Amino acid sequence: MKRRQALICLCGIGFASLTRGALAKANLSSIPIKRHETAMRAAIAMAAQNAAYPFGAVITNANSGVVLAKGVNKTFENPVLHGEISCINQYVSQYGNKNWSDTVLYTTGEPCPMCMSALIWTGIGGVVFGSSIAVIKSSGIDAFTLSADEVNKASNFSQTQLLGGILETECNALFMNRKRS
């Protein structure tokens, strides 16, 4: 994947997506690249907390870019606590299960099918990632070959916008230089 190559899914009308009967408010293409990079740097900082599995994530307010929740891979505690799931859990504990369409999740690695499905279920406004599944697999981490885009398109009730390749070089370095046991 080329740097900043958009995997923006055109879902429904323009960039809007149907989420629980309402149009998503977030629009990834209208967010300045500098704000995408700032949020991804926050996800990279979270990823540094797990040198072996550097999946870090943050959820931001789509309009302001303010970080609302953070997460890092904690599969050593629980096998489903991927960075995105940890971040979703923190968001819900702080804000409840609401206002998802006003948020964007940034993650260092392309979401796996479990995480992408969870993100679709939330109705989140958008998902931005750094490294692709192919890079994650080449780093020696087991990963499904089903892409986030394929999972997103498989949903017949809701889809979200996707944008891949933000700070791809930095995210790729996290995975390729990760601590191996």
C-alpha atoms as a PDB file:
ATOM      1  CA  MET A   1       0.000   0.000   0.000  1.00  0.00           C
ATOM      2  CA  LYS A   2       1.365   3.417  -0.897  1.00  0.00           C
ATOM      3  CA  ARG A   3       1.763   6.050   1.807  1.00  0.00           C
ATOM      4  CA  ARG A   4      -1.513   7.823   2.514  1.00  0.00           C
ATOM      5  CA  GLN A   5      -3.322   5.576   0.068  1.00  0.00           C
ATOM      6  CA  ALA A   6      -6.939   5.942   0.971  1.00  0.00           C
ATOM      7  CA  LEU A   7      -9.140   2.945   1.472  1.00  0.00           C
ATOM      8  CA  ILE A   8     -12.016   5.312   1.962  1.00  0.00           C
ATOM      9  CA  CYS A   9     -15.177   3.327   1.491  1.00  0.00           C
ATOM     10  CA  LEU A  10     -17.932   5.095  -0.339  1.00  0.00           C
ATOM     11  CA  CYS A  11     -20.850   3.878   1.685  1.00  0.00           C
ATOM     12  CA  GLY A  12     -24.342   4.865   0.706  1.00  0.00           C
ATOM     13  CA  ILE A  13     -24.477   8.552  -0.162  1.00  0.00           C
ATOM     14  CA  GLY A  14     -21.057  10.125  -0.739  1.00  0.00           C
ATOM     15  CA  PHE A  15     -18.816   9.516   2.258  1.00  0.00           C
ATOM     16  CA  ALA A  16     -21.708   9.131   4.664  1.00  0.00           C
ATOM     17  CA  SER A  17     -22.434   5.738   6.135  1.00  0.00           C
ATOM     18  CA  LEU A  18     -25.605   4.319   7.551  1.00  0.00           C
ATOM     19  CA  THR A  19     -25.111   3.533  11.207  1.00  0.00           C
ATOM     20  CA  ARG A  20     -28.067   2.403  13.274  1.00  0.00           C
ATOM     21  CA  GLY A  21     -30.408   4.298  10.975  1.00  0.00           C
ATOM     22  CA  ALA A  22     -28.539   7.625  11.065  1.00  0.00           C
ATOM     23  CA  LEU A  23     -25.919   9.150   8.808  1.00  0.00           C
ATOM     24  CA  ALA A  24     -22.427   9.178  10.272  1.00  0.00           C
ATOM     25  CA  LYS A  25     -21.225  12.685  11.022  1.00  0.00           C
ATOM     26  CA  ALA A  26     -17.500  12.041  10.624  1.00  0.00           C
ATOM     27  CA  ASN A  27     -15.977  12.618   7.200  1.00  0.00           C
ATOM     28  CA  LEU A  28     -12.398  11.336   6.958  1.00  0.00           C
ATOM     29  CA  SER A  29     -11.678  13.200   3.739  1.00  0.00           C
ATOM     30  CA  SER A  30     -12.431  16.558   5.375  1.00  0.00           C
ATOM     31  CA  ILE A  31     -10.016  16.006   8.284  1.00  0.00           C
ATOM     32  CA  PRO A  32      -6.643  17.652   7.586  1.00  0.00           C
ATOM     33  CA  ILE A  33      -3.738  15.216   7.130  1.00  0.00           C
ATOM     34  CA  LYS A  34      -1.868  16.934   9.990  1.00  0.00           C
ATOM     35  CA  ARG A  35      -4.711  16.008  12.371  1.00  0.00           C
ATOM     36  CA  HIS A  36      -4.667  12.401  11.107  1.00  0.00           C
ATOM     37  CA  GLU A  37      -0.903  12.312  11.750  1.00  0.00           C
ATOM     38  CA  THR A  38      -1.228  13.836  15.239  1.00  0.00           C
ATOM     39  CA  ALA A  39      -3.808  11.230  16.231  1.00  0.00           C
ATOM     40  CA  MET A  40      -1.714   8.418  14.728  1.00  0.00           C
ATOM     41  CA  ARG A  41       1.287   9.613  16.750  1.00  0.00           C
ATOM     42  CA  ALA A  42      -0.879   9.226  19.873  1.00  0.00           C
ATOM     43  CA  ALA A  43      -1.700   5.646  18.763  1.00  0.00           C
ATOM     44  CA  ILE A  44       2.022   4.999  18.175  1.00  0.00           C
ATOM     45  CA  ALA A  45       2.763   6.238  21.708  1.00  0.00           C
ATOM     46  CA  MET A  46       0.219   3.741  23.047  1.00  0.00           C
ATOM     47  CA  ALA A  47       1.766   0.956  20.942  1.00  0.00           C
ATOM     48  CA  ALA A  48       5.140   1.585  22.591  1.00  0.00           C
ATOM     49  CA  GLN A  49       3.636   0.113  25.780  1.00  0.00           C
ATOM     50  CA  ASN A  50       3.669  -3.364  24.173  1.00  0.00           C
ATOM     51  CA  ALA A  51       6.955  -3.975  22.369  1.00  0.00           C
ATOM     52  CA  ALA A  52       5.961  -7.490  21.245  1.00  0.00           C
ATOM     53  CA  TYR A  53       2.501  -6.640  19.858  1.00  0.00           C
ATOM     54  CA  PRO A  54       2.587  -2.902  19.097  1.00  0.00           C
ATOM     55  CA  PHE A  55      -1.089  -2.375  18.393  1.00  0.00           C
ATOM     56  CA  GLY A  56      -2.011   1.004  19.856  1.00  0.00           C
ATOM     57  CA  ALA A  57      -5.271   2.861  19.313  1.00  0.00           C
ATOM     58  CA  VAL A  58      -6.954   6.131  20.175  1.00  0.00           C
ATOM     59  CA  ILE A  59     -10.478   7.384  19.642  1.00  0.00           C
ATOM     60  CA  THR A  60     -10.805  11.070  18.804  1.00  0.00           C
ATOM     61  CA  ASN A  61     -13.617  13.515  18.392  1.00  0.00           C
ATOM     62  CA  ALA A  62     -14.034  13.781  14.617  1.00  0.00           C
ATOM     63  CA  ASN A  63     -14.533  17.565  14.704  1.00  0.00           C
ATOM     64  CA  SER A  64     -11.900  18.704  17.189  1.00  0.00           C
ATOM     65  CA  GLY A  65      -9.353  15.872  17.108  1.00  0.00           C
ATOM     66  CA  VAL A  66      -9.389  15.672  20.917  1.00  0.00           C
ATOM     67  CA  VAL A  67      -8.365  12.214  22.152  1.00  0.00           C
ATOM     68  CA  LEU A  68     -11.279  10.658  24.054  1.00  0.00           C
ATOM     69  CA  ALA A  69      -9.910   7.159  24.750  1.00  0.00           C
ATOM     70  CA  LYS A  70      -6.694   5.138  24.424  1.00  0.00           C
ATOM     71  CA  GLY A  71      -5.910   1.453  24.191  1.00  0.00           C
ATOM     72  CA  VAL A  72      -3.036  -0.951  23.703  1.00  0.00           C
ATOM     73  CA  ASN A  73      -2.914  -4.672  22.982  1.00  0.00           C
ATOM     74  CA  LYS A  74      -3.362  -6.574  26.258  1.00  0.00           C
ATOM     75  CA  THR A  75      -3.801 -10.102  24.932  1.00  0.00           C
ATOM     76  CA  PHE A  76      -1.493 -11.317  27.707  1.00  0.00           C
ATOM     77  CA  GLU A  77      -4.432 -10.516  30.056  1.00  0.00           C
ATOM     78  CA  ASN A  78      -7.311 -11.543  27.798  1.00  0.00           C
ATOM     79  CA  PRO A  79      -7.118 -12.920  24.232  1.00  0.00           C
ATOM     80  CA  VAL A  80      -9.727 -10.470  22.892  1.00  0.00           C
ATOM     81  CA  LEU A  81      -8.097  -7.328  24.297  1.00  0.00           C
ATOM     82  CA  HIS A  82      -6.621  -6.106  21.052  1.00  0.00           C
ATOM     83  CA  GLY A  83      -5.678  -2.412  21.032  1.00  0.00           C
ATOM     84  CA  GLU A  84      -8.927  -1.392  19.357  1.00  0.00           C
ATOM     85  CA  ILE A  85     -11.069  -3.386  21.808  1.00  0.00           C
ATOM     86  CA  SER A  86      -9.191  -1.929  24.801  1.00  0.00           C
ATOM     87  CA  CYS A  87      -9.787   1.530  23.356  1.00  0.00           C
ATOM     88  CA  ILE A  88     -13.500   0.869  22.752  1.00  0.00           C
ATOM     89  CA  ASN A  89     -13.828  -0.364  26.349  1.00  0.00           C
ATOM     90  CA  GLN A  90     -12.161   2.767  27.726  1.00  0.00           C
ATOM     91  CA  TYR A  91     -14.411   5.004  25.612  1.00  0.00           C
ATOM     92  CA  VAL A  92     -17.548   3.230  26.865  1.00  0.00           C
ATOM     93  CA  SER A  93     -16.392   3.418  30.493  1.00  0.00           C
ATOM     94  CA  GLN A  94     -15.880   7.191  30.156  1.00  0.00           C
ATOM     95  CA  TYR A  95     -18.678   8.280  27.802  1.00  0.00           C
ATOM     96  CA  GLY A  96     -21.141   5.400  27.609  1.00  0.00           C
ATOM     97  CA  ASN A  97     -22.250   3.615  24.465  1.00  0.00           C
ATOM     98  CA  LYS A  98     -23.175   6.743  22.520  1.00  0.00           C
ATOM     99  CA  ASN A  99     -22.004   9.392  20.043  1.00  0.00           C
ATOM    100  CA  TRP A 100     -19.964   6.885  18.032  1.00  0.00           C
ATOM    101  CA  SER A 101     -20.684   8.591  14.709  1.00  0.00           C
ATOM    102  CA  ASP A 102     -18.863  11.678  16.014  1.00  0.00           C
ATOM    103  CA  THR A 103     -15.639   9.714  16.587  1.00  0.00           C
ATOM    104  CA  VAL A 104     -12.699   8.296  14.651  1.00  0.00           C
ATOM    105  CA  LEU A 105     -10.485   5.422  15.790  1.00  0.00           C
ATOM    106  CA  TYR A 106      -6.787   5.544  14.885  1.00  0.00           C
ATOM    107  CA  THR A 107      -4.783   2.327  15.116  1.00  0.00           C
ATOM    108  CA  THR A 108      -1.207   1.406  14.274  1.00  0.00           C
ATOM    109  CA  GLY A 109      -2.274  -1.770  12.467  1.00  0.00           C
ATOM    110  CA  GLU A 110      -5.130  -2.570  10.133  1.00  0.00           C
ATOM    111  CA  PRO A 111      -7.973  -3.939  12.281  1.00  0.00           C
ATOM    112  CA  CYS A 112      -8.417  -7.709  12.299  1.00  0.00           C
ATOM    113  CA  PRO A 113     -11.877  -9.137  11.488  1.00  0.00           C
ATOM    114  CA  MET A 114     -12.842  -9.231  15.184  1.00  0.00           C
ATOM    115  CA  CYS A 115     -11.886  -5.607  15.784  1.00  0.00           C
ATOM    116  CA  MET A 116     -13.339  -4.357  12.508  1.00  0.00           C
ATOM    117  CA  SER A 117     -16.617  -6.122  13.279  1.00  0.00           C
ATOM    118  CA  ALA A 118     -16.699  -4.518  16.737  1.00  0.00           C
ATOM    119  CA  LEU A 119     -16.039  -1.108  15.198  1.00  0.00           C
ATOM    120  CA  ILE A 120     -18.872  -1.601  12.711  1.00  0.00           C
ATOM    121  CA  TRP A 121     -21.192  -2.590  15.572  1.00  0.00           C
ATOM    122  CA  THR A 122     -20.348   0.650  17.397  1.00  0.00           C
ATOM    123  CA  GLY A 123     -21.322   2.747  14.392  1.00  0.00           C
ATOM    124  CA  ILE A 124     -18.027   4.656  14.628  1.00  0.00           C
ATOM    125  CA  GLY A 125     -17.601   7.504  12.157  1.00  0.00           C
ATOM    126  CA  GLY A 126     -14.284   6.306  10.745  1.00  0.00           C
ATOM    127  CA  VAL A 127     -11.249   4.059  11.159  1.00  0.00           C
ATOM    128  CA  VAL A 128      -7.706   5.150  10.255  1.00  0.00           C
ATOM    129  CA  PHE A 129      -4.738   2.762  10.333  1.00  0.00           C
ATOM    130  CA  GLY A 130      -1.013   2.793   9.666  1.00  0.00           C
ATOM    131  CA  SER A 131       0.278  -0.673   8.750  1.00  0.00           C
ATOM    132  CA  SER A 132      -1.526  -3.135   6.509  1.00  0.00           C
ATOM    133  CA  ILE A 133      -2.378  -6.739   7.358  1.00  0.00           C
ATOM    134  CA  ALA A 134       0.367  -7.812   4.908  1.00  0.00           C
ATOM    135  CA  VAL A 135       3.056  -5.927   6.855  1.00  0.00           C
ATOM    136  CA  ILE A 136       1.749  -7.258  10.179  1.00  0.00           C
ATOM    137  CA  LYS A 137       1.942 -10.832   8.846  1.00  0.00           C
ATOM    138  CA  SER A 138       5.452 -10.253   7.461  1.00  0.00           C
ATOM    139  CA  SER A 139       6.550  -9.151  10.946  1.00  0.00           C
ATOM    140  CA  GLY A 140       5.780 -12.646  12.226  1.00  0.00           C
ATOM    141  CA  ILE A 141       2.462 -11.871  13.892  1.00  0.00           C
ATOM    142  CA  ASP A 142      -0.340 -14.304  13.096  1.00  0.00           C
ATOM    143  CA  ALA A 143      -3.112 -12.465  11.296  1.00  0.00           C
ATOM    144  CA  PHE A 144      -6.195 -13.229   9.267  1.00  0.00           C
ATOM    145  CA  THR A 145      -5.846 -12.399   5.596  1.00  0.00           C
ATOM    146  CA  LEU A 146      -9.340 -10.908   5.518  1.00  0.00           C
ATOM    147  CA  SER A 147      -8.893  -7.147   5.206  1.00  0.00           C
ATOM    148  CA  ALA A 148     -10.732  -4.477   7.178  1.00  0.00           C
ATOM    149  CA  ASP A 149     -12.266  -3.326   3.901  1.00  0.00           C
ATOM    150  CA  GLU A 150     -13.630  -6.828   3.182  1.00  0.00           C
ATOM    151  CA  VAL A 151     -15.178  -7.057   6.653  1.00  0.00           C
ATOM    152  CA  ASN A 152     -16.603  -3.564   6.266  1.00  0.00           C
ATOM    153  CA  LYS A 153     -18.174  -4.388   2.898  1.00  0.00           C
ATOM    154  CA  ALA A 154     -19.618  -7.657   4.254  1.00  0.00           C
ATOM    155  CA  SER A 155     -21.869  -5.775   6.665  1.00  0.00           C
ATOM    156  CA  ASN A 156     -25.367  -5.413   5.244  1.00  0.00           C
ATOM    157  CA  PHE A 157     -26.517  -3.029   7.981  1.00  0.00           C
ATOM    158  CA  SER A 158     -23.695  -0.541   8.516  1.00  0.00           C
ATOM    159  CA  GLN A 159     -20.340   0.455   7.142  1.00  0.00           C
ATOM    160  CA  THR A 160     -17.729   2.930   8.211  1.00  0.00           C
ATOM    161  CA  GLN A 161     -15.103   4.919   6.385  1.00  0.00           C
ATOM    162  CA  LEU A 162     -11.581   3.523   6.226  1.00  0.00           C
ATOM    163  CA  LEU A 163      -8.307   5.303   5.587  1.00  0.00           C
ATOM    164  CA  GLY A 164      -5.050   3.350   5.518  1.00  0.00           C
ATOM    165  CA  GLY A 165      -1.383   4.249   5.311  1.00  0.00           C
ATOM    166  CA  ILE A 166      -1.257   7.194   7.729  1.00  0.00           C
ATOM    167  CA  LEU A 167       2.320   7.344   9.115  1.00  0.00           C
ATOM    168  CA  GLU A 168       2.772   3.968   7.471  1.00  0.00           C
ATOM    169  CA  THR A 169       6.586   4.030   7.641  1.00  0.00           C
ATOM    170  CA  GLU A 170       6.593   4.685  11.394  1.00  0.00           C
ATOM    171  CA  CYS A 171       3.915   2.063  12.042  1.00  0.00           C
ATOM    172  CA  ASN A 172       5.681  -0.500   9.842  1.00  0.00           C
ATOM    173  CA  ALA A 173       8.867   0.050  11.868  1.00  0.00           C
ATOM    174  CA  LEU A 174       6.947  -0.765  15.076  1.00  0.00           C
ATOM    175  CA  PHE A 175       5.952  -4.150  13.693  1.00  0.00           C
ATOM    176  CA  MET A 176       9.154  -5.028  11.855  1.00  0.00           C
ATOM    177  CA  ASN A 177      11.355  -4.087  14.850  1.00  0.00           C
ATOM    178  CA  ARG A 178       9.064  -5.554  17.512  1.00  0.00           C
ATOM    179  CA  LYS A 179      10.401  -7.559  20.421  1.00  0.00           C
ATOM    180  CA  ARG A 180      10.275 -11.251  19.624  1.00  0.00           C
ATOM    181  CA  SER A 181      10.254 -13.835  22.394  1.00  0.00           C
END
